[in-house]
């Protein structure tokens, strides 16, 4: 995900994650690669769908940019729940984020 952000020439990338250890690793790797991670939202593990979506929407809507680059690092189930709920509530109003999605628990190395 960080390589993709660099390939797209993003200088900064906010992070939404549902795993604290993954967040730490992401920020360390991004920093090492010269990307700034100015804002981080760690979603509450086991939160209800509406809570996940409300937290995500509020975080994104309060971005400094109209097109923020945002890394979403969550489980596949959380990604689907968040996406479906954002669609149901007609999405975001003030911003048009550039999403980069990383899915926790899937090993693509083999």
Protein backbone atom coordinates (compact mmCIF):
# COMPACT_ATOMS: atom_id res chain seq x y z
CA UNK A 1 0.00 0.00 0.00
CA UNK A 2 2.85 2.37 0.82
CA UNK A 3 4.56 1.59 -2.49
CA UNK A 4 1.31 2.42 -4.30
CA UNK A 5 1.06 5.73 -2.44
CA UNK A 6 4.62 6.58 -3.49
CA UNK A 7 3.89 5.55 -7.09
CA UNK A 8 0.90 7.92 -7.06
CA UNK A 9 3.22 10.70 -5.77
CA UNK A 10 1.30 11.14 -2.52
CA UNK A 11 3.38 13.04 0.02
CA UNK A 12 1.08 12.28 2.92
CA UNK A 13 -1.40 9.56 3.70
CA UNK A 14 -3.83 9.48 6.60
CA UNK A 15 -4.54 6.10 8.18
CA UNK A 16 -7.72 4.41 9.37
CA UNK A 17 -7.01 1.07 11.02
CA UNK A 18 -8.67 -1.47 13.26
CA UNK A 19 -5.42 -3.00 14.53
CA UNK A 20 -2.96 -1.12 16.73
CA UNK A 21 0.07 -3.24 15.82
CA UNK A 22 -0.68 -2.88 12.10
CA UNK A 23 -0.97 0.89 12.60
CA UNK A 24 2.45 1.05 14.25
CA UNK A 25 4.03 -1.01 11.47
CA UNK A 26 2.35 1.08 8.77
CA UNK A 27 3.50 4.39 10.25
CA UNK A 28 7.06 3.10 10.72
CA UNK A 29 7.25 1.84 7.13
CA UNK A 30 5.63 4.97 5.69
CA UNK A 31 8.05 7.20 7.59
CA UNK A 32 10.99 5.12 6.42
CA UNK A 33 9.76 5.56 2.82
CA UNK A 34 9.43 9.34 3.22
CA UNK A 35 5.63 9.56 3.55
CA UNK A 36 4.01 11.68 6.22
CA UNK A 37 1.10 10.16 8.16
CA UNK A 38 -0.50 13.30 9.62
CA UNK A 39 -3.70 11.76 10.98
CA UNK A 40 -4.54 8.34 12.38
CA UNK A 41 -7.89 6.88 13.38
CA UNK A 42 -7.83 3.57 15.21
CA UNK A 43 -11.29 2.06 15.04
CA UNK A 44 -12.64 0.37 18.14
CA UNK A 45 -12.32 -3.41 17.85
CA UNK A 46 -15.73 -5.08 17.80
CA UNK A 47 -17.59 -1.81 17.25
CA UNK A 48 -21.01 -1.88 15.60
CA UNK A 49 -21.22 -1.09 11.88
CA UNK A 50 -22.79 2.31 12.41
CA UNK A 51 -20.07 3.22 14.91
CA UNK A 52 -17.31 2.17 12.48
CA UNK A 53 -18.90 4.19 9.70
CA UNK A 54 -19.63 7.22 11.86
CA UNK A 55 -16.03 7.28 13.11
CA UNK A 56 -14.73 6.88 9.55
CA UNK A 57 -17.03 9.52 8.04
CA UNK A 58 -16.23 12.07 10.76
CA UNK A 59 -12.50 11.47 10.38
CA UNK A 60 -12.60 11.84 6.60
CA UNK A 61 -14.93 14.85 6.60
CA UNK A 62 -12.51 16.69 8.90
CA UNK A 63 -9.60 16.30 6.49
CA UNK A 64 -7.62 19.39 5.54
CA UNK A 65 -7.88 18.52 1.86
CA UNK A 66 -10.86 18.05 -0.45
CA UNK A 67 -9.17 14.93 -1.87
CA UNK A 68 -7.23 13.36 0.99
CA UNK A 69 -5.27 10.17 0.45
CA UNK A 70 -6.46 7.69 3.06
CA UNK A 71 -5.18 4.22 3.80
CA UNK A 72 -7.91 1.95 5.13
CA UNK A 73 -6.26 -0.96 6.96
CA UNK A 74 -9.07 -3.17 8.26
CA UNK A 75 -10.42 -6.72 7.99
CA UNK A 76 -12.28 -7.65 4.82
CA UNK A 77 -15.54 -7.75 6.77
CA UNK A 78 -14.96 -4.26 8.23
CA UNK A 79 -14.12 -2.88 4.77
CA UNK A 80 -17.38 -4.21 3.33
CA UNK A 81 -19.42 -2.96 6.30
CA UNK A 82 -17.91 0.52 6.09
CA UNK A 83 -18.34 0.73 2.30
CA UNK A 84 -21.94 -0.49 2.38
CA UNK A 85 -22.88 1.89 5.16
CA UNK A 86 -21.21 4.88 3.44
CA UNK A 87 -23.15 4.05 0.27
CA UNK A 88 -26.39 3.69 2.24
CA UNK A 89 -25.93 7.09 3.85
CA UNK A 90 -25.02 8.54 0.43
CA UNK A 91 -21.31 8.78 1.16
CA UNK A 92 -19.31 11.77 2.21
CA UNK A 93 -20.32 15.33 1.49
CA UNK A 94 -17.35 17.66 1.65
CA UNK A 95 -14.50 15.45 0.48
CA UNK A 96 -13.69 12.91 -2.22
CA UNK A 97 -11.01 10.71 -0.67
CA UNK A 98 -8.49 8.69 -2.62
CA UNK A 99 -8.75 5.34 -0.84
CA UNK A 100 -5.98 2.78 -0.57
CA UNK A 101 -7.23 -0.46 0.95
CA UNK A 102 -5.17 -2.98 2.88
CA UNK A 103 -6.91 -6.04 4.28
CA UNK A 104 -5.80 -7.48 7.62
CA UNK A 105 -5.51 -11.24 7.90
CA UNK A 106 -4.81 -12.02 4.24
CA UNK A 107 -1.31 -13.23 3.42
CA UNK A 108 -0.52 -12.52 -0.24
CA UNK A 109 3.17 -13.52 0.02
CA UNK A 110 2.75 -17.15 -1.04
